[in-house]
Protein backbone atom coordinates (compact mmCIF):
# COMPACT_ATOMS: atom_id res chain seq x y z
CA UNK A 1 -0.39 -58.55 -43.57
CA UNK A 2 -0.08 -60.45 -46.85
CA UNK A 3 3.72 -60.01 -46.89
CA UNK A 4 3.92 -60.96 -43.23
CA UNK A 5 2.07 -64.21 -43.96
CA UNK A 6 4.31 -64.95 -46.95
CA UNK A 7 7.41 -64.54 -44.78
CA UNK A 8 5.96 -66.94 -42.22
CA UNK A 9 5.03 -69.53 -44.87
CA UNK A 10 8.52 -69.62 -46.41
CA UNK A 11 10.19 -69.78 -42.99
CA UNK A 12 7.91 -72.67 -42.00
CA UNK A 13 8.81 -74.56 -45.18
CA UNK A 14 12.51 -74.22 -44.28
CA UNK A 15 11.81 -75.36 -40.71
CA UNK A 16 9.74 -78.36 -41.85
CA UNK A 17 12.45 -79.44 -44.30
CA UNK A 18 15.04 -79.40 -41.53
CA UNK A 19 12.79 -81.51 -39.27
CA UNK A 20 12.44 -84.01 -42.11
CA UNK A 21 16.24 -84.00 -42.48
CA UNK A 22 15.97 -82.61 -46.00
CA UNK A 23 18.08 -79.78 -47.39
CA UNK A 24 15.94 -76.61 -47.24
CA UNK A 25 15.78 -74.46 -50.37
CA UNK A 26 14.84 -70.89 -51.23
CA UNK A 27 13.59 -70.14 -54.76
CA UNK A 28 14.77 -66.78 -56.14
CA UNK A 29 14.06 -65.36 -59.63
CA UNK A 30 17.12 -64.61 -61.77
CA UNK A 31 17.25 -60.86 -62.29
CA UNK A 32 19.34 -60.07 -65.36
CA UNK A 33 18.86 -59.01 -68.98
CA UNK A 34 19.09 -62.62 -70.17
CA UNK A 35 16.01 -63.53 -68.11
CA UNK A 36 13.72 -60.76 -69.25
CA UNK A 37 11.60 -59.89 -72.25
CA UNK A 38 10.24 -56.60 -73.53
CA UNK A 39 6.77 -56.41 -75.03
CA UNK A 40 5.82 -52.90 -76.16
CA UNK A 41 2.15 -53.70 -75.49
CA UNK A 42 2.91 -54.26 -71.81
CA UNK A 43 5.53 -51.51 -71.78
CA UNK A 44 8.05 -52.90 -69.30
CA UNK A 45 10.72 -55.56 -68.77
CA UNK A 46 9.18 -58.84 -67.57
CA UNK A 47 10.71 -62.00 -66.14
CA UNK A 48 10.99 -65.00 -68.44
CA UNK A 49 10.79 -67.53 -65.63
CA UNK A 50 14.33 -68.66 -64.80
CA UNK A 51 15.05 -69.19 -61.10
CA UNK A 52 18.01 -70.01 -58.91
CA UNK A 53 17.71 -72.31 -55.91
CA UNK A 54 19.56 -71.33 -52.76
CA UNK A 55 20.10 -74.69 -51.05
CA UNK A 56 21.50 -75.00 -47.55
CA UNK A 57 24.94 -76.60 -47.84
CA UNK A 58 28.25 -76.12 -46.06
CA UNK A 59 29.31 -73.68 -48.79
CA UNK A 60 26.09 -71.63 -48.70
CA UNK A 61 25.39 -71.70 -44.95
CA UNK A 62 26.31 -68.05 -44.40
CA UNK A 63 24.28 -66.65 -47.31
CA UNK A 64 21.34 -68.89 -46.42
CA UNK A 65 21.46 -67.69 -42.81
CA UNK A 66 21.72 -64.05 -43.92
CA UNK A 67 18.65 -64.48 -46.11
CA UNK A 68 16.62 -65.92 -43.23
CA UNK A 69 17.83 -63.20 -40.87
CA UNK A 70 16.82 -60.53 -43.39
CA UNK A 71 13.38 -62.13 -43.62
CA UNK A 72 13.12 -62.15 -39.82
CA UNK A 73 14.11 -58.49 -39.65
CA UNK A 74 11.45 -57.65 -42.23
CA UNK A 75 8.79 -59.53 -40.24
CA UNK A 76 9.80 -57.66 -37.08
CA UNK A 77 9.61 -54.28 -38.84
CA UNK A 78 6.19 -55.06 -40.34
CA UNK A 79 4.84 -56.27 -37.00
CA UNK A 80 6.00 -53.07 -35.28
CA UNK A 81 4.67 -50.89 -38.13
CA UNK A 82 8.15 -49.40 -38.46
CA UNK A 83 10.70 -48.79 -41.22
CA UNK A 84 14.43 -49.28 -41.68
CA UNK A 85 16.75 -47.73 -44.25
CA UNK A 86 19.02 -50.02 -46.23
CA UNK A 87 21.95 -48.62 -44.25
CA UNK A 88 20.23 -49.33 -40.92
CA UNK A 89 19.52 -52.92 -42.00
CA UNK A 90 23.23 -53.35 -42.73
CA UNK A 91 24.16 -52.18 -39.22
CA UNK A 92 21.48 -54.34 -37.58
CA UNK A 93 23.31 -57.34 -39.06
CA UNK A 94 26.30 -56.56 -36.86
CA UNK A 95 24.33 -58.37 -34.13
CA UNK A 96 24.01 -61.52 -36.25
CA UNK A 97 27.32 -63.11 -35.27
CA UNK A 98 28.86 -65.09 -38.12
CA UNK A 99 25.93 -64.12 -40.36
CA UNK A 100 26.76 -60.41 -40.25
CA UNK A 101 27.53 -58.52 -43.45
CA UNK A 102 31.02 -57.18 -44.04
CA UNK A 103 29.93 -54.55 -46.60
CA UNK A 104 26.58 -52.94 -47.40
CA UNK A 105 26.69 -54.22 -50.98
CA UNK A 106 26.26 -57.73 -49.51
CA UNK A 107 23.32 -56.58 -47.42
CA UNK A 108 21.68 -54.84 -50.38
CA UNK A 109 22.04 -57.95 -52.55
CA UNK A 110 20.36 -60.22 -49.99
CA UNK A 111 17.61 -57.62 -49.49
CA UNK A 112 17.02 -57.63 -53.26
CA UNK A 113 16.87 -61.44 -53.19
CA UNK A 114 14.23 -61.42 -50.45
CA UNK A 115 12.25 -58.80 -52.34
CA UNK A 116 12.33 -60.92 -55.50
CA UNK A 117 11.40 -64.10 -53.64
CA UNK A 118 8.09 -62.56 -52.59
CA UNK A 119 7.59 -60.49 -55.79
CA UNK A 120 7.05 -57.31 -53.78
CA UNK A 121 8.90 -54.03 -53.50
CA UNK A 122 11.24 -53.49 -50.58
CA UNK A 123 8.97 -50.84 -49.05
CA UNK A 124 6.38 -53.60 -48.46
CA UNK A 125 9.10 -55.43 -46.53
CA UNK A 126 9.66 -52.33 -44.39
CA UNK A 127 12.91 -51.24 -46.05
CA UNK A 128 13.30 -47.77 -47.56
CA UNK A 129 16.11 -46.16 -49.57
CA UNK A 130 18.47 -43.53 -48.20
CA UNK A 131 18.12 -41.19 -51.15
CA UNK A 132 15.42 -38.60 -51.77
CA UNK A 133 12.61 -39.44 -54.12
CA UNK A 134 12.86 -36.37 -56.32
CA UNK A 135 11.65 -32.76 -56.41
CA UNK A 136 8.42 -31.42 -57.94
CA UNK A 137 7.19 -27.98 -58.96
CA UNK A 138 4.36 -26.68 -61.10
CA UNK A 139 0.63 -26.89 -61.58
CA UNK A 140 -0.09 -29.79 -59.27
CA UNK A 141 -1.85 -30.29 -55.96
CA UNK A 142 -0.72 -33.40 -54.07
CA UNK A 143 -3.26 -34.74 -51.59
CA UNK A 144 -1.45 -36.43 -48.71
CA UNK A 145 -2.68 -37.30 -45.20
CA UNK A 146 -1.99 -35.47 -41.95
CA UNK A 147 -1.23 -37.17 -38.64
CA UNK A 148 -4.95 -37.71 -38.04
CA UNK A 149 -5.45 -39.37 -41.41
CA UNK A 150 -7.29 -36.41 -42.91
CA UNK A 151 -6.61 -35.09 -46.42
CA UNK A 152 -3.78 -32.57 -46.60
CA UNK A 153 -3.56 -30.57 -49.84
CA UNK A 154 -0.06 -29.52 -50.93
CA UNK A 155 0.15 -26.93 -53.71
CA UNK A 156 3.35 -27.41 -55.70
CA UNK A 157 3.21 -23.80 -56.93
CA UNK A 158 3.57 -22.47 -53.38
CA UNK A 159 7.13 -23.46 -52.46
CA UNK A 160 8.79 -20.18 -53.42
CA UNK A 161 12.32 -20.93 -54.58
CA UNK A 162 12.02 -24.50 -53.30
CA UNK A 163 10.06 -27.56 -54.39
CA UNK A 164 7.90 -30.41 -53.09
CA UNK A 165 9.93 -33.45 -52.13
CA UNK A 166 8.54 -36.85 -53.18
CA UNK A 167 8.13 -39.11 -50.11
CA UNK A 168 9.47 -42.67 -49.96
CA UNK A 169 5.94 -44.10 -50.14
CA UNK A 170 3.51 -42.63 -52.68
CA UNK A 171 0.70 -45.19 -52.94
CA UNK A 172 -1.70 -43.20 -50.76
CA UNK A 173 -1.25 -39.91 -52.62
CA UNK A 174 -3.98 -38.34 -54.78
CA UNK A 175 -3.61 -35.59 -57.35
CA UNK A 176 -5.31 -32.53 -58.78
CA UNK A 177 -3.90 -30.91 -61.93
CA UNK A 178 -4.75 -29.32 -65.26
CA UNK A 179 -1.16 -29.44 -66.51
CA UNK A 180 -0.57 -30.47 -70.13
CA UNK A 181 2.47 -32.67 -69.48
CA UNK A 182 5.13 -33.81 -67.02
CA UNK A 183 8.74 -32.85 -67.78
CA UNK A 184 11.16 -35.22 -66.02
CA UNK A 185 14.63 -33.67 -65.85
CA UNK A 186 17.90 -35.52 -65.34
CA UNK A 187 19.95 -32.95 -63.45
CA UNK A 188 19.08 -30.94 -60.34
CA UNK A 189 20.88 -27.94 -61.84
CA UNK A 190 18.65 -27.80 -64.93
CA UNK A 191 15.58 -28.32 -62.73
CA UNK A 192 16.64 -25.34 -60.62
CA UNK A 193 17.00 -23.15 -63.74
CA UNK A 194 13.51 -24.03 -64.95
CA UNK A 195 12.16 -23.52 -61.42
CA UNK A 196 13.89 -20.15 -61.02
CA UNK A 197 12.22 -18.83 -64.18
CA UNK A 198 8.84 -20.47 -63.56
CA UNK A 199 9.04 -22.52 -66.73
CA UNK A 200 6.15 -24.64 -65.46
CA UNK A 201 3.90 -21.56 -65.62
CA UNK A 202 4.89 -20.63 -69.17
CA UNK A 203 4.46 -24.20 -70.45
CA UNK A 204 1.54 -25.22 -68.21
CA UNK A 205 3.35 -28.30 -66.98
CA UNK A 206 4.76 -30.12 -63.96
CA UNK A 207 8.56 -30.31 -63.68
CA UNK A 208 10.23 -33.12 -61.78
CA UNK A 209 13.91 -33.45 -60.92
CA UNK A 210 15.08 -37.07 -61.17
CA UNK A 211 18.59 -36.29 -59.88
CA UNK A 212 20.25 -38.93 -62.06
CA UNK A 213 18.77 -42.44 -62.17
CA UNK A 214 15.33 -41.88 -60.60
CA UNK A 215 14.55 -43.62 -57.34
CA UNK A 216 11.71 -46.09 -57.19
CA UNK A 217 9.61 -43.54 -55.32
CA UNK A 218 10.23 -40.98 -58.06
CA UNK A 219 9.35 -43.45 -60.82
CA UNK A 220 6.23 -44.62 -59.01
CA UNK A 221 5.15 -41.02 -58.38
CA UNK A 222 5.51 -40.13 -62.07
CA UNK A 223 3.73 -43.34 -63.12
CA UNK A 224 0.80 -42.82 -60.76
CA UNK A 225 0.45 -39.14 -61.65
CA UNK A 226 0.61 -39.87 -65.38
CA UNK A 227 -1.93 -42.71 -65.16
CA UNK A 228 -4.33 -41.00 -62.76
CA UNK A 229 -4.48 -37.77 -64.75
CA UNK A 230 -3.79 -39.23 -68.19
CA UNK A 231 -1.01 -36.79 -69.01
CA UNK A 232 2.14 -37.52 -71.06
CA UNK A 233 5.67 -37.69 -69.68
CA UNK A 234 8.61 -36.12 -71.50
CA UNK A 235 12.20 -36.79 -70.43
CA UNK A 236 14.97 -34.20 -70.75
CA UNK A 237 18.39 -35.79 -70.16
CA UNK A 238 22.01 -35.53 -71.28
CA UNK A 239 23.03 -36.81 -74.72
CA UNK A 240 25.15 -39.63 -73.38
CA UNK A 241 24.68 -43.37 -73.08
CA UNK A 242 24.22 -43.21 -69.31
CA UNK A 243 21.36 -40.75 -69.71
CA UNK A 244 19.80 -42.87 -72.43
CA UNK A 245 20.37 -46.45 -71.29
CA UNK A 246 20.37 -46.03 -67.52
CA UNK A 247 18.30 -42.99 -66.61
CA UNK A 248 15.71 -42.95 -69.40
CA UNK A 249 15.49 -46.68 -70.05
CA UNK A 250 15.07 -47.38 -66.32
CA UNK A 251 12.29 -44.82 -66.05
CA UNK A 252 10.43 -46.06 -69.14
CA UNK A 253 10.68 -49.87 -68.96
CA UNK A 254 12.54 -50.67 -65.73
CA UNK A 255 15.69 -52.70 -65.18
CA UNK A 256 16.79 -56.30 -65.22
CA UNK A 257 17.56 -56.29 -61.50
CA UNK A 258 14.05 -55.09 -60.62
CA UNK A 259 12.24 -57.10 -63.30
CA UNK A 260 9.93 -58.69 -60.71
CA UNK A 261 8.34 -55.28 -59.97
CA UNK A 262 8.93 -53.25 -63.16
CA UNK A 263 5.20 -53.37 -63.87
CA UNK A 264 4.62 -50.85 -61.08
CA UNK A 265 7.78 -48.73 -61.24
CA UNK A 266 8.13 -47.88 -64.91
CA UNK A 267 6.51 -45.20 -67.07
CA UNK A 268 5.66 -46.76 -70.47
CA UNK A 269 4.14 -43.46 -71.69
CA UNK A 270 7.47 -41.64 -71.39
CA UNK A 271 9.11 -40.09 -74.47
CA UNK A 272 12.73 -38.92 -74.78
CA UNK A 273 12.62 -35.37 -76.12
CA UNK A 274 16.33 -34.66 -75.72
CA UNK A 275 19.16 -34.07 -75.65
CA UNK A 276 19.42 -36.39 -78.69
CA UNK A 277 22.52 -37.16 -80.77
CA UNK A 278 20.91 -35.23 -83.63
CA UNK A 279 20.55 -32.19 -81.33
CA UNK A 280 24.33 -32.13 -81.01
CA UNK A 281 24.53 -31.70 -84.77
CA UNK A 282 21.57 -29.38 -85.26
CA UNK A 283 22.49 -27.00 -82.44
CA UNK A 284 26.27 -27.34 -82.85
CA UNK A 285 26.60 -28.05 -79.15
CA UNK A 286 29.88 -28.09 -77.20
CA UNK A 287 30.82 -31.72 -76.55
CA UNK A 288 33.10 -34.05 -74.61
CA UNK A 289 34.84 -37.07 -76.13
CA UNK A 290 33.34 -40.47 -75.45
CA UNK A 291 35.39 -42.81 -73.26
CA UNK A 292 35.86 -46.49 -73.98
CA UNK A 293 33.47 -47.36 -71.15
CA UNK A 294 30.82 -45.16 -72.82
CA UNK A 295 31.19 -46.91 -76.16
CA UNK A 296 31.10 -50.31 -74.44
CA UNK A 297 27.81 -49.36 -72.71
CA UNK A 298 26.27 -48.42 -76.07
CA UNK A 299 27.49 -51.56 -77.85
CA UNK A 300 26.22 -53.72 -74.98
CA UNK A 301 22.86 -52.00 -75.31
CA UNK A 302 22.71 -52.66 -79.05
CA UNK A 303 23.64 -56.30 -78.54
CA UNK A 304 21.84 -57.28 -75.34
CA UNK A 305 19.16 -54.76 -74.35
CA UNK A 306 15.65 -55.94 -75.38
CA UNK A 307 14.41 -52.34 -75.26
CA UNK A 308 17.03 -51.08 -77.71
CA UNK A 309 16.55 -54.12 -79.91
CA UNK A 310 12.82 -53.36 -80.15
CA UNK A 311 13.19 -49.78 -81.37
CA UNK A 312 15.05 -49.02 -84.61
CA UNK A 313 15.00 -45.34 -83.64
CA UNK A 314 17.16 -46.08 -80.59
CA UNK A 315 19.49 -48.32 -82.58
CA UNK A 316 20.00 -45.53 -85.11
CA UNK A 317 20.57 -42.91 -82.37
CA UNK A 318 23.15 -45.03 -80.52
CA UNK A 319 25.00 -45.91 -83.72
CA UNK A 320 25.02 -42.24 -84.75
CA UNK A 321 26.55 -41.16 -81.46
CA UNK A 322 29.14 -43.94 -81.49
CA UNK A 323 30.29 -42.65 -84.89
CA UNK A 324 30.35 -39.07 -83.61
CA UNK A 325 32.49 -40.17 -80.63
CA UNK A 326 31.17 -37.32 -78.47
CA UNK A 327 28.56 -36.64 -75.80
CA UNK A 328 26.80 -33.47 -74.71
CA UNK A 329 25.22 -32.27 -71.47
CA UNK A 330 21.95 -30.42 -70.90
CA UNK A 331 23.94 -27.39 -69.80
CA UNK A 332 25.73 -27.20 -73.19
CA UNK A 333 22.93 -24.96 -74.46
CA UNK A 334 24.31 -22.24 -72.16
CA UNK A 335 26.73 -21.50 -75.00
CA UNK A 336 23.85 -19.56 -76.55
CA UNK A 337 22.71 -17.91 -73.30
CA UNK A 338 21.77 -19.11 -69.85
CA UNK A 339 18.06 -19.27 -70.68
CA UNK A 340 18.32 -20.60 -74.26
CA UNK A 341 16.77 -23.88 -73.06
CA UNK A 342 13.69 -22.06 -71.76
CA UNK A 343 13.32 -19.53 -74.55
CA UNK A 344 14.16 -21.62 -77.61
CA UNK A 345 15.18 -25.28 -77.21
CA UNK A 346 12.25 -26.67 -75.20
CA UNK A 347 9.57 -24.69 -77.07
CA UNK A 348 11.00 -25.92 -80.40
CA UNK A 349 11.25 -29.50 -79.16
CA UNK A 350 7.69 -29.63 -77.88
CA UNK A 351 6.44 -28.52 -81.30
CA UNK A 352 8.37 -31.24 -83.18
CA UNK A 353 7.42 -34.71 -81.86
CA UNK A 354 9.09 -36.28 -84.90
CA UNK A 355 12.47 -35.43 -83.31
CA UNK A 356 11.68 -37.37 -80.11
CA UNK A 357 12.84 -40.90 -79.35
CA UNK A 358 10.42 -43.62 -78.15
């Protein structure tokens, strides 16, 4: 009910301003890399304190109305104890007359603004993502609730050739495990290979498929599991700047756009075990040439990303790969055999922490 009350309070402030013939305003945090800081002690991107004011004027009338309508939709959803996907929220707006959204990107942006205004995650506003949260296999029992509210134990070793799917909301989950570590994997294909050969059994671990940039539910699941059971998180991604600066960086410290909630959705304990630029050299991996957009992403990271600027190890790795002008995928190890990753690469990596990146 806290979020419900916050929505009501802000709406009342707008209403009272109008009655007083004053221009109503909405105060929204700026969510970008130039309004965040990174403190390794805290372990995540934090807001510096810059805000933008959305004032009702002739030029901003539509956006202002859309923001209020999104707030009203959220209040309705919370009151009815219901949910709406981001796509459904976009289509609901088709009933809003001149305030309707033309494209979902507009709807998503306003939803993000509302989320930031109240410093909550969108699930607390009743909105959920379309995408899956991630897949899990290995030595873990997830304790969920059944329809009667009773504990329901889910054994992640008992899904045969399948895996446990992370739900959109994970706050109520509890865990039982004696696993030594969590291995978060970028691609679904590599996850399936490790699952097929029961790598989690050999290594006494939990494997999680992130499926690219991990969803908030996936990040929160990994964070809660890691904190609750005090087990480390190792990330296995492609040796490219997207894998490093989007997938891994987002998992470890969050993003500029979600800086108001990074504290809850990042995994500060995470370590990048590979694929590293040095792995390309050491294992003589097959590669692909870097594109200009790849090099630009790396240079932007070196110049503007507080996370990269904090760690000399990351600066060195990015500069090394820029000079090499190539990238490599997880699957490149198949050159040496389909199961080279399981039989040689991962065992060697886990024994040599000095080769990991922070």
